[in-house]
Amino acid sequence: MEAPFDANTWDGITGAYYAGYGSVEGLWLLLILAMVVIAIIFGWRHEEHAYKGLKKK
C-alpha cells in the first residue's frame, strides 16, 4: 500500500491519513459478512438437528 503523500519522514505530516484508501477492503467485508451468515445458518441447522435428536429420546 502506498501512502497518500510524498515524504521520506513523518516530519511535517499532520492530520489523519487512511492508508487503506482505494484497496479491496469492501470485498473483504462482503466475504466476512457472507462467512458470518454461513456460520449462523450451519449453526442453526446443527442445533435444530441436535434438539430433534434429544426430543426423540
PDB file of N, CA and C in Angstrom:
ATOM      1  N   MET A   1       0.834  -1.170   0.000  1.00  0.00           N
ATOM      2  CA  MET A   1       0.000   0.000   0.000  1.00  0.00           C
ATOM      3  C   MET A   1       0.880   1.234   0.000  1.00  0.00           C
ATOM      4  N   GLU A   2       0.542   2.146  -0.833  1.00  0.00           N
ATOM      5  CA  GLU A   2       1.282   3.393  -0.897  1.00  0.00           C
ATOM      6  C   GLU A   2       0.620   4.419   0.012  1.00  0.00           C
ATOM      7  N   ALA A   3       1.430   5.273   0.597  1.00  0.00           N
ATOM      8  CA  ALA A   3       0.911   6.358   1.418  1.00  0.00           C
ATOM      9  C   ALA A   3       0.342   7.452   0.510  1.00  0.00           C
ATOM     10  N   PRO A   4      -0.659   8.184   0.964  1.00  0.00           N
ATOM     11  CA  PRO A   4      -1.273   9.212   0.121  1.00  0.00           C
ATOM     12  C   PRO A   4      -0.483  10.521   0.099  1.00  0.00           C
ATOM     13  N   PHE A   5       0.813  10.497   0.387  1.00  0.00           N
ATOM     14  CA  PHE A   5       1.634  11.704   0.366  1.00  0.00           C
ATOM     15  C   PHE A   5       3.063  11.330  -0.001  1.00  0.00           C
ATOM     16  N   ASP A   6       3.795  12.311  -0.443  1.00  0.00           N
ATOM     17  CA  ASP A   6       5.208  12.081  -0.801  1.00  0.00           C
ATOM     18  C   ASP A   6       6.104  12.661   0.276  1.00  0.00           C
ATOM     19  N   ALA A   7       6.687  11.817   1.098  1.00  0.00           N
ATOM     20  CA  ALA A   7       7.600  12.252   2.157  1.00  0.00           C
ATOM     21  C   ALA A   7       8.464  11.067   2.553  1.00  0.00           C
ATOM     22  N   ASN A   8       9.663  11.360   2.998  1.00  0.00           N
ATOM     23  CA  ASN A   8      10.572  10.306   3.447  1.00  0.00           C
ATOM     24  C   ASN A   8      10.535  10.117   4.962  1.00  0.00           C
ATOM     25  N   THR A   9      10.028  11.115   5.683  1.00  0.00           N
ATOM     26  CA  THR A   9       9.920  11.027   7.138  1.00  0.00           C
ATOM     27  C   THR A   9       8.539  11.519   7.556  1.00  0.00           C
ATOM     28  N   TRP A  10       8.235  11.343   8.832  1.00  0.00           N
ATOM     29  CA  TRP A  10       6.956  11.810   9.367  1.00  0.00           C
ATOM     30  C   TRP A  10       6.996  13.288   9.748  1.00  0.00           C
ATOM     31  N   ASP A  11       8.132  13.926   9.623  1.00  0.00           N
ATOM     32  CA  ASP A  11       8.230  15.351   9.934  1.00  0.00           C
ATOM     33  C   ASP A  11       7.351  16.147   8.967  1.00  0.00           C
ATOM     34  N   GLY A  12       6.510  16.963   9.498  1.00  0.00           N
ATOM     35  CA  GLY A  12       5.646  17.800   8.671  1.00  0.00           C
ATOM     36  C   GLY A  12       4.336  17.149   8.275  1.00  0.00           C
ATOM     37  N   ILE A  13       4.148  15.899   8.588  1.00  0.00           N
ATOM     38  CA  ILE A  13       2.889  15.222   8.276  1.00  0.00           C
ATOM     39  C   ILE A  13       1.919  15.496   9.417  1.00  0.00           C
ATOM     40  N   THR A  14       0.794  16.110   9.106  1.00  0.00           N
ATOM     41  CA  THR A  14      -0.217  16.405  10.126  1.00  0.00           C
ATOM     42  C   THR A  14      -1.555  15.864   9.668  1.00  0.00           C
ATOM     43  N   GLY A  15      -2.436  15.661  10.613  1.00  0.00           N
ATOM     44  CA  GLY A  15      -3.767  15.172  10.295  1.00  0.00           C
ATOM     45  C   GLY A  15      -3.801  13.656  10.227  1.00  0.00           C
ATOM     46  N   ALA A  16      -4.975  13.151  10.017  1.00  0.00           N
ATOM     47  CA  ALA A  16      -5.181  11.709   9.949  1.00  0.00           C
ATOM     48  C   ALA A  16      -5.154  11.257   8.495  1.00  0.00           C
ATOM     49  N   TYR A  17      -4.423  10.211   8.231  1.00  0.00           N
ATOM     50  CA  TYR A  17      -4.349   9.638   6.890  1.00  0.00           C
ATOM     51  C   TYR A  17      -4.758   8.181   6.967  1.00  0.00           C
ATOM     52  N   TYR A  18      -5.592   7.792   6.029  1.00  0.00           N
ATOM     53  CA  TYR A  18      -6.035   6.405   5.966  1.00  0.00           C
ATOM     54  C   TYR A  18      -5.305   5.735   4.814  1.00  0.00           C
ATOM     55  N   ALA A  19      -4.384   4.854   5.118  1.00  0.00           N
ATOM     56  CA  ALA A  19      -3.543   4.231   4.099  1.00  0.00           C
ATOM     57  C   ALA A  19      -4.281   3.176   3.282  1.00  0.00           C
ATOM     58  N   GLY A  20      -5.428   2.712   3.747  1.00  0.00           N
ATOM     59  CA  GLY A  20      -6.155   1.676   3.031  1.00  0.00           C
ATOM     60  C   GLY A  20      -7.086   2.195   1.969  1.00  0.00           C
ATOM     61  N   TYR A  21      -7.094   3.487   1.731  1.00  0.00           N
ATOM     62  CA  TYR A  21      -7.991   4.086   0.752  1.00  0.00           C
ATOM     63  C   TYR A  21      -7.747   3.513  -0.632  1.00  0.00           C
ATOM     64  N   GLY A  22      -8.803   3.077  -1.281  1.00  0.00           N
ATOM     65  CA  GLY A  22      -8.683   2.557  -2.636  1.00  0.00           C
ATOM     66  C   GLY A  22      -8.353   1.080  -2.713  1.00  0.00           C
ATOM     67  N   SER A  23      -8.217   0.413  -1.593  1.00  0.00           N
ATOM     68  CA  SER A  23      -7.902  -1.012  -1.634  1.00  0.00           C
ATOM     69  C   SER A  23      -9.192  -1.820  -1.755  1.00  0.00           C
ATOM     70  N   VAL A  24      -9.080  -3.112  -1.646  1.00  0.00           N
ATOM     71  CA  VAL A  24     -10.229  -4.004  -1.839  1.00  0.00           C
ATOM     72  C   VAL A  24     -10.886  -4.365  -0.512  1.00  0.00           C
ATOM     73  N   GLU A  25     -10.895  -3.450   0.441  1.00  0.00           N
ATOM     74  CA  GLU A  25     -11.454  -3.783   1.744  1.00  0.00           C
ATOM     75  C   GLU A  25     -12.957  -4.039   1.665  1.00  0.00           C
ATOM     76  N   GLY A  26     -13.645  -3.455   0.704  1.00  0.00           N
ATOM     77  CA  GLY A  26     -15.071  -3.728   0.524  1.00  0.00           C
ATOM     78  C   GLY A  26     -15.312  -5.186   0.188  1.00  0.00           C
ATOM     79  N   LEU A  27     -14.449  -5.745  -0.635  1.00  0.00           N
ATOM     80  CA  LEU A  27     -14.552  -7.160  -0.983  1.00  0.00           C
ATOM     81  C   LEU A  27     -14.345  -8.034   0.247  1.00  0.00           C
ATOM     82  N   TRP A  28     -13.321  -7.706   1.058  1.00  0.00           N
ATOM     83  CA  TRP A  28     -13.074  -8.470   2.277  1.00  0.00           C
ATOM     84  C   TRP A  28     -14.253  -8.367   3.231  1.00  0.00           C
ATOM     85  N   LEU A  29     -14.856  -7.185   3.333  1.00  0.00           N
ATOM     86  CA  LEU A  29     -16.007  -7.011   4.212  1.00  0.00           C
ATOM     87  C   LEU A  29     -17.162  -7.885   3.764  1.00  0.00           C
ATOM     88  N   LEU A  30     -17.439  -7.918   2.464  1.00  0.00           N
ATOM     89  CA  LEU A  30     -18.518  -8.764   1.951  1.00  0.00           C
ATOM     90  C   LEU A  30     -18.230 -10.247   2.179  1.00  0.00           C
ATOM     91  N   LEU A  31     -16.974 -10.657   1.987  1.00  0.00           N
ATOM     92  CA  LEU A  31     -16.617 -12.058   2.226  1.00  0.00           C
ATOM     93  C   LEU A  31     -16.801 -12.438   3.691  1.00  0.00           C
ATOM     94  N   ILE A  32     -16.400 -11.555   4.590  1.00  0.00           N
ATOM     95  CA  ILE A  32     -16.542 -11.837   6.018  1.00  0.00           C
ATOM     96  C   ILE A  32     -18.013 -11.884   6.417  1.00  0.00           C
ATOM     97  N   LEU A  33     -18.810 -10.961   5.886  1.00  0.00           N
ATOM     98  CA  LEU A  33     -20.241 -10.992   6.191  1.00  0.00           C
ATOM     99  C   LEU A  33     -20.891 -12.265   5.664  1.00  0.00           C
ATOM    100  N   ALA A  34     -20.492 -12.706   4.485  1.00  0.00           N
ATOM    101  CA  ALA A  34     -21.020 -13.961   3.940  1.00  0.00           C
ATOM    102  C   ALA A  34     -20.625 -15.141   4.824  1.00  0.00           C
ATOM    103  N   MET A  35     -19.384 -15.144   5.312  1.00  0.00           N
ATOM    104  CA  MET A  35     -18.940 -16.223   6.199  1.00  0.00           C
ATOM    105  C   MET A  35     -19.719 -16.222   7.505  1.00  0.00           C
ATOM    106  N   VAL A  36     -20.054 -15.050   8.027  1.00  0.00           N
ATOM    107  CA  VAL A  36     -20.847 -14.971   9.257  1.00  0.00           C
ATOM    108  C   VAL A  36     -22.243 -15.531   9.017  1.00  0.00           C
ATOM    109  N   VAL A  37     -22.855 -15.172   7.900  1.00  0.00           N
ATOM    110  CA  VAL A  37     -24.193 -15.690   7.588  1.00  0.00           C
ATOM    111  C   VAL A  37     -24.153 -17.204   7.424  1.00  0.00           C
ATOM    112  N   ILE A  38     -23.132 -17.714   6.748  1.00  0.00           N
ATOM    113  CA  ILE A  38     -22.996 -19.165   6.573  1.00  0.00           C
ATOM    114  C   ILE A  38     -22.812 -19.855   7.922  1.00  0.00           C
ATOM    115  N   ALA A  39     -22.011 -19.272   8.807  1.00  0.00           N
ATOM    116  CA  ALA A  39     -21.807 -19.856  10.139  1.00  0.00           C
ATOM    117  C   ALA A  39     -23.114 -19.871  10.926  1.00  0.00           C
ATOM    118  N   ILE A  40     -23.898 -18.825  10.819  1.00  0.00           N
ATOM    119  CA  ILE A  40     -25.185 -18.777  11.525  1.00  0.00           C
ATOM    120  C   ILE A  40     -26.124 -19.848  10.985  1.00  0.00           C
ATOM    121  N   ILE A  41     -26.186 -19.996   9.667  1.00  0.00           N
ATOM    122  CA  ILE A  41     -27.083 -20.994   9.066  1.00  0.00           C
ATOM    123  C   ILE A  41     -26.669 -22.406   9.466  1.00  0.00           C
ATOM    124  N   PHE A  42     -25.366 -22.727   9.354  1.00  0.00           N
ATOM    125  CA  PHE A  42     -24.917 -24.069   9.724  1.00  0.00           C
ATOM    126  C   PHE A  42     -25.091 -24.311  11.228  1.00  0.00           C
ATOM    127  N   GLY A  43     -24.858 -23.311  12.056  1.00  0.00           N
ATOM    128  CA  GLY A  43     -25.067 -23.452  13.495  1.00  0.00           C
ATOM    129  C   GLY A  43     -26.527 -23.697  13.824  1.00  0.00           C
ATOM    130  N   TRP A  44     -27.402 -22.972  13.154  1.00  0.00           N
ATOM    131  CA  TRP A  44     -28.838 -23.147  13.378  1.00  0.00           C
ATOM    132  C   TRP A  44     -29.276 -24.555  12.965  1.00  0.00           C
ATOM    133  N   ARG A  45     -28.776 -25.019  11.815  1.00  0.00           N
ATOM    134  CA  ARG A  45     -29.134 -26.366  11.356  1.00  0.00           C
ATOM    135  C   ARG A  45     -28.630 -27.427  12.328  1.00  0.00           C
ATOM    136  N   HIS A  46     -27.420 -27.243  12.830  1.00  0.00           N
ATOM    137  CA  HIS A  46     -26.859 -28.211  13.771  1.00  0.00           C
ATOM    138  C   HIS A  46     -27.669 -28.227  15.066  1.00  0.00           C
ATOM    139  N   GLU A  47     -27.992 -27.066  15.574  1.00  0.00           N
ATOM    140  CA  GLU A  47     -28.760 -27.003  16.824  1.00  0.00           C
ATOM    141  C   GLU A  47     -30.153 -27.609  16.649  1.00  0.00           C
ATOM    142  N   GLU A  48     -30.764 -27.360  15.495  1.00  0.00           N
ATOM    143  CA  GLU A  48     -32.083 -27.934  15.235  1.00  0.00           C
ATOM    144  C   GLU A  48     -32.000 -29.459  15.186  1.00  0.00           C
ATOM    145  N   HIS A  49     -30.971 -29.970  14.528  1.00  0.00           N
ATOM    146  CA  HIS A  49     -30.775 -31.423  14.444  1.00  0.00           C
ATOM    147  C   HIS A  49     -30.512 -32.015  15.839  1.00  0.00           C
ATOM    148  N   ALA A  50     -29.675 -31.362  16.624  1.00  0.00           N
ATOM    149  CA  ALA A  50     -29.364 -31.852  17.967  1.00  0.00           C
ATOM    150  C   ALA A  50     -30.605 -31.805  18.867  1.00  0.00           C
ATOM    151  N   TYR A  51     -31.411 -30.763  18.743  1.00  0.00           N
ATOM    152  CA  TYR A  51     -32.625 -30.656  19.554  1.00  0.00           C
ATOM    153  C   TYR A  51     -33.621 -31.749  19.199  1.00  0.00           C
ATOM    154  N   LYS A  52     -33.762 -32.001  17.903  1.00  0.00           N
ATOM    155  CA  LYS A  52     -34.704 -33.059  17.479  1.00  0.00           C
ATOM    156  C   LYS A  52     -34.212 -34.434  17.941  1.00  0.00           C
ATOM    157  N   GLY A  53     -32.880 -34.649  17.966  1.00  0.00           N
ATOM    158  CA  GLY A  53     -32.316 -35.903  18.448  1.00  0.00           C
ATOM    159  C   GLY A  53     -32.596 -36.131  19.914  1.00  0.00           C
ATOM    160  N   LEU A  54     -32.535 -35.079  20.717  1.00  0.00           N
ATOM    161  CA  LEU A  54     -32.826 -35.216  22.143  1.00  0.00           C
ATOM    162  C   LEU A  54     -34.318 -35.357  22.400  1.00  0.00           C
ATOM    163  N   LYS A  55     -35.111 -34.738  21.586  1.00  0.00           N
ATOM    164  CA  LYS A  55     -36.568 -34.777  21.766  1.00  0.00           C
ATOM    165  C   LYS A  55     -37.118 -36.181  21.531  1.00  0.00           C
ATOM    166  N   LYS A  56     -36.482 -36.956  20.638  1.00  0.00           N
ATOM    167  CA  LYS A  56     -36.962 -38.300  20.320  1.00  0.00           C
ATOM    168  C   LYS A  56     -36.708 -39.279  21.467  1.00  0.00           C
ATOM    169  N   LYS A  57     -35.714 -39.028  22.305  1.00  0.00           N
ATOM    170  CA  LYS A  57     -35.352 -39.981  23.374  1.00  0.00           C
ATOM    171  C   LYS A  57     -36.323 -39.969  24.495  1.00  0.00           C
TER     172      LYS A  57
END
